[in-house]
Amino acid sequence: MSDATPEPGATDFDAMTRDIAEVPAVEVIVTVAVNLMSAAAVKLGLTEEGDRHKDLDEARKLVHALAGLLDAGATEISSFHAAPLRDGLKSLQLAFREASVVADEPGQGPGEKYTGQVFG
């Protein structure tokens, strides 16, 4: 093989860099937020497989990270993108509260450091 052709199974980092360079920051932020939301939903047991992947400790971390990302990035992604993400975050926070055997103190639930206390 020539030096210009990557070996089968090798990662072409130059192509990946070019690809990511073409993606607007808003899309990167929204994609990361959606991935965090999806992972949190799985860890909360909200998928068809339910309790099989349920892990509230992991869910707490994911919801908290999502809240931090939205708090930091909301002004950068516009309300058009931020509003549905905030709604999804609130739904995950409420699902966490419902799934928890031991309730967090008001304002101490996952992400509430960034969002304030969440009410149902």
PDB file of N, CA and C in Angstrom:
ATOM      1  N   MET A   1       0.832  -1.185   0.000  1.00  0.00           N
ATOM      2  CA  MET A   1       0.000   0.000   0.000  1.00  0.00           C
ATOM      3  C   MET A   1       0.875   1.246   0.000  1.00  0.00           C
ATOM      4  N   SER A   2       0.387   2.293  -0.595  1.00  0.00           N
ATOM      5  CA  SER A   2       1.128   3.555  -0.605  1.00  0.00           C
ATOM      6  C   SER A   2       0.912   4.282   0.710  1.00  0.00           C
ATOM      7  N   ASP A   3       1.729   5.294   0.938  1.00  0.00           N
ATOM      8  CA  ASP A   3       1.615   6.077   2.169  1.00  0.00           C
ATOM      9  C   ASP A   3       0.314   6.879   2.230  1.00  0.00           C
ATOM     10  N   ALA A   4      -0.282   7.180   1.082  1.00  0.00           N
ATOM     11  CA  ALA A   4      -1.492   8.003   1.024  1.00  0.00           C
ATOM     12  C   ALA A   4      -2.751   7.216   1.348  1.00  0.00           C
ATOM     13  N   THR A   5      -2.707   5.901   1.246  1.00  0.00           N
ATOM     14  CA  THR A   5      -3.886   5.081   1.479  1.00  0.00           C
ATOM     15  C   THR A   5      -3.823   4.477   2.875  1.00  0.00           C
ATOM     16  N   PRO A   6      -4.802   4.783   3.722  1.00  0.00           N
ATOM     17  CA  PRO A   6      -4.785   4.190   5.063  1.00  0.00           C
ATOM     18  C   PRO A   6      -5.019   2.684   4.986  1.00  0.00           C
ATOM     19  N   GLU A   7      -4.436   1.972   5.928  1.00  0.00           N
ATOM     20  CA  GLU A   7      -4.630   0.530   5.997  1.00  0.00           C
ATOM     21  C   GLU A   7      -6.073   0.233   6.365  1.00  0.00           C
ATOM     22  N   PRO A   8      -6.585  -0.936   5.943  1.00  0.00           N
ATOM     23  CA  PRO A   8      -7.959  -1.295   6.320  1.00  0.00           C
ATOM     24  C   PRO A   8      -8.105  -1.275   7.845  1.00  0.00           C
ATOM     25  N   GLY A   9      -9.155  -0.647   8.302  1.00  0.00           N
ATOM     26  CA  GLY A   9      -9.420  -0.555   9.740  1.00  0.00           C
ATOM     27  C   GLY A   9      -8.732   0.623  10.413  1.00  0.00           C
ATOM     28  N   ALA A  10      -7.817   1.296   9.700  1.00  0.00           N
ATOM     29  CA  ALA A  10      -7.129   2.451  10.277  1.00  0.00           C
ATOM     30  C   ALA A  10      -8.061   3.659  10.256  1.00  0.00           C
ATOM     31  N   THR A  11      -7.859   4.567  11.190  1.00  0.00           N
ATOM     32  CA  THR A  11      -8.671   5.776  11.258  1.00  0.00           C
ATOM     33  C   THR A  11      -8.010   6.872  10.438  1.00  0.00           C
ATOM     34  N   ASP A  12      -8.788   7.514   9.589  1.00  0.00           N
ATOM     35  CA  ASP A  12      -8.285   8.616   8.773  1.00  0.00           C
ATOM     36  C   ASP A  12      -8.580   9.915   9.514  1.00  0.00           C
ATOM     37  N   PHE A  13      -7.650  10.310  10.385  1.00  0.00           N
ATOM     38  CA  PHE A  13      -7.853  11.489  11.230  1.00  0.00           C
ATOM     39  C   PHE A  13      -7.927  12.783  10.426  1.00  0.00           C
ATOM     40  N   ASP A  14      -7.219  12.851   9.312  1.00  0.00           N
ATOM     41  CA  ASP A  14      -7.294  14.057   8.480  1.00  0.00           C
ATOM     42  C   ASP A  14      -8.711  14.247   7.944  1.00  0.00           C
ATOM     43  N   ALA A  15      -9.327  13.162   7.496  1.00  0.00           N
ATOM     44  CA  ALA A  15     -10.697  13.249   6.981  1.00  0.00           C
ATOM     45  C   ALA A  15     -11.673  13.607   8.099  1.00  0.00           C
ATOM     46  N   MET A  16     -11.455  13.022   9.273  1.00  0.00           N
ATOM     47  CA  MET A  16     -12.331  13.337  10.403  1.00  0.00           C
ATOM     48  C   MET A  16     -12.203  14.807  10.779  1.00  0.00           C
ATOM     49  N   THR A  17     -10.991  15.333  10.766  1.00  0.00           N
ATOM     50  CA  THR A  17     -10.770  16.735  11.097  1.00  0.00           C
ATOM     51  C   THR A  17     -11.454  17.637  10.083  1.00  0.00           C
ATOM     52  N   ARG A  18     -11.343  17.297   8.811  1.00  0.00           N
ATOM     53  CA  ARG A  18     -12.024  18.087   7.778  1.00  0.00           C
ATOM     54  C   ARG A  18     -13.527  18.037   7.980  1.00  0.00           C
ATOM     55  N   ASP A  19     -14.047  16.853   8.282  1.00  0.00           N
ATOM     56  CA  ASP A  19     -15.491  16.707   8.473  1.00  0.00           C
ATOM     57  C   ASP A  19     -15.994  17.548   9.651  1.00  0.00           C
ATOM     58  N   ILE A  20     -15.311  17.476  10.783  1.00  0.00           N
ATOM     59  CA  ILE A  20     -15.762  18.212  11.965  1.00  0.00           C
ATOM     60  C   ILE A  20     -15.576  19.713  11.768  1.00  0.00           C
ATOM     61  N   ALA A  21     -14.613  20.105  10.974  1.00  0.00           N
ATOM     62  CA  ALA A  21     -14.383  21.526  10.715  1.00  0.00           C
ATOM     63  C   ALA A  21     -15.548  22.153   9.959  1.00  0.00           C
ATOM     64  N   GLU A  22     -16.303  21.346   9.247  1.00  0.00           N
ATOM     65  CA  GLU A  22     -17.424  21.842   8.460  1.00  0.00           C
ATOM     66  C   GLU A  22     -18.729  21.902   9.250  1.00  0.00           C
ATOM     67  N   VAL A  23     -18.729  21.372  10.456  1.00  0.00           N
ATOM     68  CA  VAL A  23     -19.950  21.319  11.263  1.00  0.00           C
ATOM     69  C   VAL A  23     -20.042  22.577  12.133  1.00  0.00           C
ATOM     70  N   PRO A  24     -21.157  23.292  12.057  1.00  0.00           N
ATOM     71  CA  PRO A  24     -21.319  24.486  12.909  1.00  0.00           C
ATOM     72  C   PRO A  24     -21.340  24.099  14.392  1.00  0.00           C
ATOM     73  N   ALA A  25     -20.829  24.996  15.219  1.00  0.00           N
ATOM     74  CA  ALA A  25     -20.759  24.755  16.659  1.00  0.00           C
ATOM     75  C   ALA A  25     -22.125  24.415  17.245  1.00  0.00           C
ATOM     76  N   VAL A  26     -23.184  25.056  16.758  1.00  0.00           N
ATOM     77  CA  VAL A  26     -24.535  24.792  17.260  1.00  0.00           C
ATOM     78  C   VAL A  26     -24.877  23.319  17.079  1.00  0.00           C
ATOM     79  N   GLU A  27     -24.547  22.756  15.935  1.00  0.00           N
ATOM     80  CA  GLU A  27     -24.846  21.347  15.689  1.00  0.00           C
ATOM     81  C   GLU A  27     -24.055  20.438  16.609  1.00  0.00           C
ATOM     82  N   VAL A  28     -22.806  20.787  16.884  1.00  0.00           N
ATOM     83  CA  VAL A  28     -21.993  19.976  17.793  1.00  0.00           C
ATOM     84  C   VAL A  28     -22.598  20.004  19.187  1.00  0.00           C
ATOM     85  N   ILE A  29     -22.955  21.195  19.667  1.00  0.00           N
ATOM     86  CA  ILE A  29     -23.531  21.331  21.013  1.00  0.00           C
ATOM     87  C   ILE A  29     -24.854  20.567  21.115  1.00  0.00           C
ATOM     88  N   VAL A  30     -25.721  20.729  20.136  1.00  0.00           N
ATOM     89  CA  VAL A  30     -27.018  20.048  20.156  1.00  0.00           C
ATOM     90  C   VAL A  30     -26.834  18.538  20.083  1.00  0.00           C
ATOM     91  N   THR A  31     -25.904  18.071  19.262  1.00  0.00           N
ATOM     92  CA  THR A  31     -25.653  16.634  19.139  1.00  0.00           C
ATOM     93  C   THR A  31     -25.158  16.054  20.458  1.00  0.00           C
ATOM     94  N   VAL A  32     -24.239  16.747  21.106  1.00  0.00           N
ATOM     95  CA  VAL A  32     -23.744  16.285  22.406  1.00  0.00           C
ATOM     96  C   VAL A  32     -24.886  16.259  23.416  1.00  0.00           C
ATOM     97  N   ALA A  33     -25.715  17.288  23.420  1.00  0.00           N
ATOM     98  CA  ALA A  33     -26.842  17.343  24.359  1.00  0.00           C
ATOM     99  C   ALA A  33     -27.806  16.183  24.121  1.00  0.00           C
ATOM    100  N   VAL A  34     -28.119  15.909  22.870  1.00  0.00           N
ATOM    101  CA  VAL A  34     -29.040  14.808  22.557  1.00  0.00           C
ATOM    102  C   VAL A  34     -28.421  13.472  22.970  1.00  0.00           C
ATOM    103  N   ASN A  35     -27.124  13.304  22.768  1.00  0.00           N
ATOM    104  CA  ASN A  35     -26.464  12.071  23.198  1.00  0.00           C
ATOM    105  C   ASN A  35     -26.504  11.920  24.715  1.00  0.00           C
ATOM    106  N   LEU A  36     -26.285  13.012  25.441  1.00  0.00           N
ATOM    107  CA  LEU A  36     -26.393  12.960  26.899  1.00  0.00           C
ATOM    108  C   LEU A  36     -27.815  12.618  27.333  1.00  0.00           C
ATOM    109  N   MET A  37     -28.795  13.213  26.667  1.00  0.00           N
ATOM    110  CA  MET A  37     -30.199  12.928  26.989  1.00  0.00           C
ATOM    111  C   MET A  37     -30.522  11.455  26.742  1.00  0.00           C
ATOM    112  N   SER A  38     -30.080  10.937  25.634  1.00  0.00           N
ATOM    113  CA  SER A  38     -30.351   9.535  25.292  1.00  0.00           C
ATOM    114  C   SER A  38     -29.709   8.593  26.295  1.00  0.00           C
ATOM    115  N   ALA A  39     -28.454   8.872  26.625  1.00  0.00           N
ATOM    116  CA  ALA A  39     -27.759   8.021  27.595  1.00  0.00           C
ATOM    117  C   ALA A  39     -28.436   8.088  28.960  1.00  0.00           C
ATOM    118  N   ALA A  40     -28.850   9.282  29.369  1.00  0.00           N
ATOM    119  CA  ALA A  40     -29.533   9.427  30.654  1.00  0.00           C
ATOM    120  C   ALA A  40     -30.854   8.665  30.667  1.00  0.00           C
ATOM    121  N   ALA A  41     -31.590   8.728  29.577  1.00  0.00           N
ATOM    122  CA  ALA A  41     -32.864   8.001  29.497  1.00  0.00           C
ATOM    123  C   ALA A  41     -32.643   6.506  29.651  1.00  0.00           C
ATOM    124  N   VAL A  42     -31.601   5.990  29.028  1.00  0.00           N
ATOM    125  CA  VAL A  42     -31.280   4.561  29.160  1.00  0.00           C
ATOM    126  C   VAL A  42     -30.946   4.239  30.612  1.00  0.00           C
ATOM    127  N   LYS A  43     -30.100   5.059  31.231  1.00  0.00           N
ATOM    128  CA  LYS A  43     -29.684   4.807  32.619  1.00  0.00           C
ATOM    129  C   LYS A  43     -30.829   5.016  33.618  1.00  0.00           C
ATOM    130  N   LEU A  44     -31.853   5.759  33.208  1.00  0.00           N
ATOM    131  CA  LEU A  44     -33.034   5.926  34.064  1.00  0.00           C
ATOM    132  C   LEU A  44     -34.040   4.798  33.874  1.00  0.00           C
ATOM    133  N   GLY A  45     -33.773   3.913  32.924  1.00  0.00           N
ATOM    134  CA  GLY A  45     -34.686   2.798  32.668  1.00  0.00           C
ATOM    135  C   GLY A  45     -35.896   3.193  31.849  1.00  0.00           C
ATOM    136  N   LEU A  46     -35.771   4.245  31.028  1.00  0.00           N
ATOM    137  CA  LEU A  46     -36.913   4.753  30.264  1.00  0.00           C
ATOM    138  C   LEU A  46     -37.020   4.152  28.862  1.00  0.00           C
ATOM    139  N   THR A  47     -36.226   3.146  28.577  1.00  0.00           N
ATOM    140  CA  THR A  47     -36.280   2.510  27.258  1.00  0.00           C
ATOM    141  C   THR A  47     -37.138   1.256  27.328  1.00  0.00           C
ATOM    142  N   GLU A  48     -37.316   0.611  26.186  1.00  0.00           N
ATOM    143  CA  GLU A  48     -38.125  -0.612  26.140  1.00  0.00           C
ATOM    144  C   GLU A  48     -37.563  -1.701  27.044  1.00  0.00           C
ATOM    145  N   GLU A  49     -36.244  -1.711  27.202  1.00  0.00           N
ATOM    146  CA  GLU A  49     -35.616  -2.739  28.035  1.00  0.00           C
ATOM    147  C   GLU A  49     -35.704  -2.400  29.521  1.00  0.00           C
ATOM    148  N   GLY A  50     -36.182  -1.211  29.813  1.00  0.00           N
ATOM    149  CA  GLY A  50     -36.454  -0.805  31.189  1.00  0.00           C
ATOM    150  C   GLY A  50     -35.304  -0.954  32.158  1.00  0.00           C
ATOM    151  N   ASP A  51     -35.521  -1.749  33.191  1.00  0.00           N
ATOM    152  CA  ASP A  51     -34.572  -1.861  34.293  1.00  0.00           C
ATOM    153  C   ASP A  51     -33.260  -2.561  33.930  1.00  0.00           C
ATOM    154  N   ARG A  52     -33.176  -3.160  32.781  1.00  0.00           N
ATOM    155  CA  ARG A  52     -31.964  -3.906  32.398  1.00  0.00           C
ATOM    156  C   ARG A  52     -30.716  -3.030  32.466  1.00  0.00           C
ATOM    157  N   HIS A  53     -30.819  -1.766  32.058  1.00  0.00           N
ATOM    158  CA  HIS A  53     -29.673  -0.859  32.042  1.00  0.00           C
ATOM    159  C   HIS A  53     -29.795   0.255  33.078  1.00  0.00           C
ATOM    160  N   LYS A  54     -30.762   0.151  33.950  1.00  0.00           N
ATOM    161  CA  LYS A  54     -31.016   1.206  34.930  1.00  0.00           C
ATOM    162  C   LYS A  54     -29.846   1.334  35.903  1.00  0.00           C
ATOM    163  N   ASP A  55     -29.351   2.549  36.056  1.00  0.00           N
ATOM    164  CA  ASP A  55     -28.247   2.846  36.971  1.00  0.00           C
ATOM    165  C   ASP A  55     -28.373   4.325  37.337  1.00  0.00           C
ATOM    166  N   LEU A  56     -28.982   4.589  38.482  1.00  0.00           N
ATOM    167  CA  LEU A  56     -29.268   5.965  38.866  1.00  0.00           C
ATOM    168  C   LEU A  56     -28.019   6.785  39.152  1.00  0.00           C
ATOM    169  N   ASP A  57     -26.947   6.149  39.605  1.00  0.00           N
ATOM    170  CA  ASP A  57     -25.706   6.887  39.825  1.00  0.00           C
ATOM    171  C   ASP A  57     -25.175   7.418  38.496  1.00  0.00           C
ATOM    172  N   GLU A  58     -25.184   6.578  37.483  1.00  0.00           N
ATOM    173  CA  GLU A  58     -24.752   6.999  36.150  1.00  0.00           C
ATOM    174  C   GLU A  58     -25.718   8.036  35.565  1.00  0.00           C
ATOM    175  N   ALA A  59     -27.000   7.834  35.774  1.00  0.00           N
ATOM    176  CA  ALA A  59     -27.998   8.777  35.264  1.00  0.00           C
ATOM    177  C   ALA A  59     -27.791  10.154  35.876  1.00  0.00           C
ATOM    178  N   ARG A  60     -27.512  10.192  37.176  1.00  0.00           N
ATOM    179  CA  ARG A  60     -27.278  11.476  37.862  1.00  0.00           C
ATOM    180  C   ARG A  60     -26.139  12.235  37.187  1.00  0.00           C
ATOM    181  N   LYS A  61     -25.050  11.545  36.885  1.00  0.00           N
ATOM    182  CA  LYS A  61     -23.893  12.185  36.246  1.00  0.00           C
ATOM    183  C   LYS A  61     -24.260  12.733  34.873  1.00  0.00           C
ATOM    184  N   LEU A  62     -24.986  11.961  34.109  1.00  0.00           N
ATOM    185  CA  LEU A  62     -25.363  12.375  32.759  1.00  0.00           C
ATOM    186  C   LEU A  62     -26.318  13.567  32.773  1.00  0.00           C
ATOM    187  N   VAL A  63     -27.295  13.541  33.655  1.00  0.00           N
ATOM    188  CA  VAL A  63     -28.259  14.648  33.760  1.00  0.00           C
ATOM    189  C   VAL A  63     -27.541  15.906  34.237  1.00  0.00           C
ATOM    190  N   HIS A  64     -26.642  15.755  35.182  1.00  0.00           N
ATOM    191  CA  HIS A  64     -25.888  16.906  35.687  1.00  0.00           C
ATOM    192  C   HIS A  64     -25.019  17.508  34.568  1.00  0.00           C
ATOM    193  N   ALA A  65     -24.356  16.658  33.796  1.00  0.00           N
ATOM    194  CA  ALA A  65     -23.529  17.140  32.681  1.00  0.00           C
ATOM    195  C   ALA A  65     -24.387  17.837  31.627  1.00  0.00           C
ATOM    196  N   LEU A  66     -25.547  17.284  31.344  1.00  0.00           N
ATOM    197  CA  LEU A  66     -26.463  17.903  30.385  1.00  0.00           C
ATOM    198  C   LEU A  66     -26.893  19.289  30.869  1.00  0.00           C
ATOM    199  N   ALA A  67     -27.237  19.396  32.135  1.00  0.00           N
ATOM    200  CA  ALA A  67     -27.654  20.687  32.688  1.00  0.00           C
ATOM    201  C   ALA A  67     -26.524  21.703  32.594  1.00  0.00           C
ATOM    202  N   GLY A  68     -25.308  21.275  32.883  1.00  0.00           N
ATOM    203  CA  GLY A  68     -24.164  22.177  32.784  1.00  0.00           C
ATOM    204  C   GLY A  68     -23.925  22.634  31.354  1.00  0.00           C
ATOM    205  N   LEU A  69     -24.023  21.713  30.415  1.00  0.00           N
ATOM    206  CA  LEU A  69     -23.848  22.056  28.999  1.00  0.00           C
ATOM    207  C   LEU A  69     -24.906  23.055  28.555  1.00  0.00           C
ATOM    208  N   LEU A  70     -26.150  22.804  28.923  1.00  0.00           N
ATOM    209  CA  LEU A  70     -27.227  23.714  28.519  1.00  0.00           C
ATOM    210  C   LEU A  70     -27.103  25.070  29.200  1.00  0.00           C
ATOM    211  N   ASP A  71     -26.674  25.076  30.444  1.00  0.00           N
ATOM    212  CA  ASP A  71     -26.480  26.341  31.141  1.00  0.00           C
ATOM    213  C   ASP A  71     -25.387  27.165  30.455  1.00  0.00           C
ATOM    214  N   ALA A  72     -24.310  26.501  30.101  1.00  0.00           N
ATOM    215  CA  ALA A  72     -23.190  27.204  29.469  1.00  0.00           C
ATOM    216  C   ALA A  72     -23.462  27.555  28.016  1.00  0.00           C
ATOM    217  N   GLY A  73     -24.181  26.700  27.312  1.00  0.00           N
ATOM    218  CA  GLY A  73     -24.341  26.883  25.876  1.00  0.00           C
ATOM    219  C   GLY A  73     -25.645  27.489  25.412  1.00  0.00           C
ATOM    220  N   ALA A  74     -26.589  27.686  26.302  1.00  0.00           N
ATOM    221  CA  ALA A  74     -27.924  28.158  25.897  1.00  0.00           C
ATOM    222  C   ALA A  74     -27.873  29.474  25.132  1.00  0.00           C
ATOM    223  N   THR A  75     -27.049  30.389  25.559  1.00  0.00           N
ATOM    224  CA  THR A  75     -26.985  31.678  24.871  1.00  0.00           C
ATOM    225  C   THR A  75     -26.312  31.551  23.507  1.00  0.00           C
ATOM    226  N   GLU A  76     -25.571  30.475  23.303  1.00  0.00           N
ATOM    227  CA  GLU A  76     -24.858  30.283  22.045  1.00  0.00           C
ATOM    228  C   GLU A  76     -25.693  29.555  20.999  1.00  0.00           C
ATOM    229  N   ILE A  77     -26.699  28.809  21.434  1.00  0.00           N
ATOM    230  CA  ILE A  77     -27.444  27.977  20.473  1.00  0.00           C
ATOM    231  C   ILE A  77     -28.831  28.510  20.159  1.00  0.00           C
ATOM    232  N   SER A  78     -29.237  29.586  20.714  1.00  0.00           N
ATOM    233  CA  SER A  78     -30.532  30.240  20.498  1.00  0.00           C
ATOM    234  C   SER A  78     -31.669  29.476  21.172  1.00  0.00           C
ATOM    235  N   SER A  79     -32.727  30.182  21.444  1.00  0.00           N
ATOM    236  CA  SER A  79     -33.868  29.566  22.129  1.00  0.00           C
ATOM    237  C   SER A  79     -34.559  28.520  21.254  1.00  0.00           C
ATOM    238  N   PHE A  80     -34.416  28.645  19.937  1.00  0.00           N
ATOM    239  CA  PHE A  80     -34.995  27.654  19.025  1.00  0.00           C
ATOM    240  C   PHE A  80     -34.469  26.256  19.335  1.00  0.00           C
ATOM    241  N   HIS A  81     -33.177  26.165  19.619  1.00  0.00           N
ATOM    242  CA  HIS A  81     -32.566  24.874  19.956  1.00  0.00           C
ATOM    243  C   HIS A  81     -32.620  24.605  21.455  1.00  0.00           C
ATOM    244  N   ALA A  82     -32.444  25.649  22.255  1.00  0.00           N
ATOM    245  CA  ALA A  82     -32.334  25.468  23.701  1.00  0.00           C
ATOM    246  C   ALA A  82     -33.646  25.065  24.359  1.00  0.00           C
ATOM    247  N   ALA A  83     -34.761  25.618  23.917  1.00  0.00           N
ATOM    248  CA  ALA A  83     -36.052  25.358  24.576  1.00  0.00           C
ATOM    249  C   ALA A  83     -36.413  23.872  24.609  1.00  0.00           C
ATOM    250  N   PRO A  84     -36.364  23.144  23.477  1.00  0.00           N
ATOM    251  CA  PRO A  84     -36.706  21.725  23.559  1.00  0.00           C
ATOM    252  C   PRO A  84     -35.690  20.916  24.372  1.00  0.00           C
ATOM    253  N   LEU A  85     -34.436  21.345  24.359  1.00  0.00           N
ATOM    254  CA  LEU A  85     -33.434  20.646  25.166  1.00  0.00           C
ATOM    255  C   LEU A  85     -33.702  20.863  26.653  1.00  0.00           C
ATOM    256  N   ARG A  86     -34.098  22.074  27.016  1.00  0.00           N
ATOM    257  CA  ARG A  86     -34.448  22.347  28.418  1.00  0.00           C
ATOM    258  C   ARG A  86     -35.664  21.537  28.848  1.00  0.00           C
ATOM    259  N   ASP A  87     -36.642  21.403  27.952  1.00  0.00           N
ATOM    260  CA  ASP A  87     -37.820  20.579  28.254  1.00  0.00           C
ATOM    261  C   ASP A  87     -37.418  19.133  28.486  1.00  0.00           C
ATOM    262  N   GLY A  88     -36.538  18.631  27.636  1.00  0.00           N
ATOM    263  CA  GLY A  88     -36.052  17.259  27.795  1.00  0.00           C
ATOM    264  C   GLY A  88     -35.293  17.080  29.089  1.00  0.00           C
ATOM    265  N   LEU A  89     -34.467  18.064  29.429  1.00  0.00           N
ATOM    266  CA  LEU A  89     -33.724  18.022  30.690  1.00  0.00           C
ATOM    267  C   LEU A  89     -34.682  17.964  31.870  1.00  0.00           C
ATOM    268  N   LYS A  90     -35.697  18.819  31.863  1.00  0.00           N
ATOM    269  CA  LYS A  90     -36.662  18.825  32.966  1.00  0.00           C
ATOM    270  C   LYS A  90     -37.361  17.470  33.077  1.00  0.00           C
ATOM    271  N   SER A  91     -37.711  16.880  31.951  1.00  0.00           N
ATOM    272  CA  SER A  91     -38.354  15.560  31.971  1.00  0.00           C
ATOM    273  C   SER A  91     -37.433  14.508  32.584  1.00  0.00           C
ATOM    274  N   LEU A  92     -36.160  14.578  32.253  1.00  0.00           N
ATOM    275  CA  LEU A  92     -35.197  13.629  32.826  1.00  0.00           C
ATOM    276  C   LEU A  92     -35.027  13.871  34.320  1.00  0.00           C
ATOM    277  N   GLN A  93     -34.990  15.140  34.719  1.00  0.00           N
ATOM    278  CA  GLN A  93     -34.864  15.441  36.146  1.00  0.00           C
ATOM    279  C   GLN A  93     -36.073  14.921  36.927  1.00  0.00           C
ATOM    280  N   LEU A  94     -37.259  15.087  36.369  1.00  0.00           N
ATOM    281  CA  LEU A  94     -38.464  14.574  37.030  1.00  0.00           C
ATOM    282  C   LEU A  94     -38.481  13.054  37.053  1.00  0.00           C
ATOM    283  N   ALA A  95     -38.037  12.424  35.961  1.00  0.00           N
ATOM    284  CA  ALA A  95     -37.964  10.960  35.916  1.00  0.00           C
ATOM    285  C   ALA A  95     -36.969  10.449  36.948  1.00  0.00           C
ATOM    286  N   PHE A  96     -35.863  11.164  37.123  1.00  0.00           N
ATOM    287  CA  PHE A  96     -34.882  10.778  38.138  1.00  0.00           C
ATOM    288  C   PHE A  96     -35.510  10.844  39.521  1.00  0.00           C
ATOM    289  N   ARG A  97     -36.198  11.948  39.790  1.00  0.00           N
ATOM    290  CA  ARG A  97     -36.835  12.119  41.097  1.00  0.00           C
ATOM    291  C   ARG A  97     -37.829  10.985  41.361  1.00  0.00           C
ATOM    292  N   GLU A  98     -38.589  10.625  40.331  1.00  0.00           N
ATOM    293  CA  GLU A  98     -39.582   9.564  40.461  1.00  0.00           C
ATOM    294  C   GLU A  98     -38.927   8.190  40.660  1.00  0.00           C
ATOM    295  N   ALA A  99     -37.791   7.964  40.015  1.00  0.00           N
ATOM    296  CA  ALA A  99     -37.124   6.662  40.089  1.00  0.00           C
ATOM    297  C   ALA A  99     -36.323   6.482  41.370  1.00  0.00           C
ATOM    298  N   SER A 100     -35.974   7.580  42.034  1.00  0.00           N
ATOM    299  CA  SER A 100     -35.142   7.504  43.228  1.00  0.00           C
ATOM    300  C   SER A 100     -35.925   6.988  44.420  1.00  0.00           C
ATOM    301  N   VAL A 101     -35.321   6.074  45.136  1.00  0.00           N
ATOM    302  CA  VAL A 101     -35.930   5.546  46.350  1.00  0.00           C
ATOM    303  C   VAL A 101     -35.798   6.570  47.474  1.00  0.00           C
ATOM    304  N   VAL A 102     -34.634   7.223  47.521  1.00  0.00           N
ATOM    305  CA  VAL A 102     -34.372   8.254  48.514  1.00  0.00           C
ATOM    306  C   VAL A 102     -34.382   9.594  47.795  1.00  0.00           C
ATOM    307  N   ALA A 103     -35.308  10.454  48.184  1.00  0.00           N
ATOM    308  CA  ALA A 103     -35.449  11.747  47.504  1.00  0.00           C
ATOM    309  C   ALA A 103     -34.297  12.686  47.857  1.00  0.00           C
ATOM    310  N   ASP A 104     -33.835  13.417  46.838  1.00  0.00           N
ATOM    311  CA  ASP A 104     -32.833  14.462  47.071  1.00  0.00           C
ATOM    312  C   ASP A 104     -33.502  15.631  47.775  1.00  0.00           C
ATOM    313  N   GLU A 105     -32.704  16.387  48.519  1.00  0.00           N
ATOM    314  CA  GLU A 105     -33.199  17.619  49.118  1.00  0.00           C
ATOM    315  C   GLU A 105     -33.603  18.571  47.990  1.00  0.00           C
ATOM    316  N   PRO A 106     -34.577  19.437  48.210  1.00  0.00           N
ATOM    317  CA  PRO A 106     -34.972  20.401  47.176  1.00  0.00           C
ATOM    318  C   PRO A 106     -33.761  21.188  46.664  1.00  0.00           C
ATOM    319  N   GLY A 107     -33.608  21.229  45.350  1.00  0.00           N
ATOM    320  CA  GLY A 107     -32.503  21.937  44.729  1.00  0.00           C
ATOM    321  C   GLY A 107     -31.211  21.148  44.645  1.00  0.00           C
ATOM    322  N   GLN A 108     -31.217  19.906  45.152  1.00  0.00           N
ATOM    323  CA  GLN A 108     -30.006  19.087  45.163  1.00  0.00           C
ATOM    324  C   GLN A 108     -30.050  17.929  44.174  1.00  0.00           C
ATOM    325  N   GLY A 109     -31.104  17.852  43.384  1.00  0.00           N
ATOM    326  CA  GLY A 109     -31.214  16.789  42.386  1.00  0.00           C
ATOM    327  C   GLY A 109     -30.222  17.010  41.263  1.00  0.00           C
ATOM    328  N   PRO A 110     -30.101  16.037  40.381  1.00  0.00           N
ATOM    329  CA  PRO A 110     -29.130  16.163  39.296  1.00  0.00           C
ATOM    330  C   PRO A 110     -29.418  17.378  38.416  1.00  0.00           C
ATOM    331  N   GLY A 111     -28.409  18.207  38.250  1.00  0.00           N
ATOM    332  CA  GLY A 111     -28.530  19.375  37.395  1.00  0.00           C
ATOM    333  C   GLY A 111     -29.198  20.574  38.021  1.00  0.00           C
ATOM    334  N   GLU A 112     -29.769  20.413  39.203  1.00  0.00           N
ATOM    335  CA  GLU A 112     -30.487  21.526  39.822  1.00  0.00           C
ATOM    336  C   GLU A 112     -29.554  22.647  40.252  1.00  0.00           C
ATOM    337  N   LYS A 113     -28.264  22.359  40.326  1.00  0.00           N
ATOM    338  CA  LYS A 113     -27.276  23.409  40.576  1.00  0.00           C
ATOM    339  C   LYS A 113     -27.351  24.453  39.460  1.00  0.00           C
ATOM    340  N   TYR A 114     -27.683  23.997  38.259  1.00  0.00           N
ATOM    341  CA  TYR A 114     -27.746  24.876  37.092  1.00  0.00           C
ATOM    342  C   TYR A 114     -29.163  25.355  36.778  1.00  0.00           C
ATOM    343  N   THR A 115     -30.145  24.531  37.067  1.00  0.00           N
ATOM    344  CA  THR A 115     -31.518  24.849  36.660  1.00  0.00           C
ATOM    345  C   THR A 115     -32.374  25.407  37.780  1.00  0.00           C
ATOM    346  N   GLY A 116     -31.933  25.225  38.998  1.00  0.00           N
ATOM    347  CA  GLY A 116     -32.780  25.535  40.134  1.00  0.00           C
ATOM    348  C   GLY A 116     -33.672  24.332  40.408  1.00  0.00           C
ATOM    349  N   GLN A 117     -34.425  24.405  41.471  1.00  0.00           N
ATOM    350  CA  GLN A 117     -35.292  23.285  41.862  1.00  0.00           C
ATOM    351  C   GLN A 117     -36.310  22.997  40.767  1.00  0.00           C
ATOM    352  N   VAL A 118     -36.501  21.716  40.507  1.00  0.00           N
ATOM    353  CA  VAL A 118     -37.433  21.272  39.479  1.00  0.00           C
ATOM    354  C   VAL A 118     -38.725  20.815  40.146  1.00  0.00           C
ATOM    355  N   PHE A 119     -39.840  21.320  39.637  1.00  0.00           N
ATOM    356  CA  PHE A 119     -41.154  20.960  40.147  1.00  0.00           C
ATOM    357  C   PHE A 119     -41.917  20.209  39.075  1.00  0.00           C
ATOM    358  N   GLY A 120     -42.734  19.242  39.485  1.00  0.00           N
ATOM    359  CA  GLY A 120     -43.500  18.439  38.544  1.00  0.00           C
ATOM    360  C   GLY A 120     -44.699  19.083  37.994  1.00  0.00           C
TER     361      GLY A 120
END
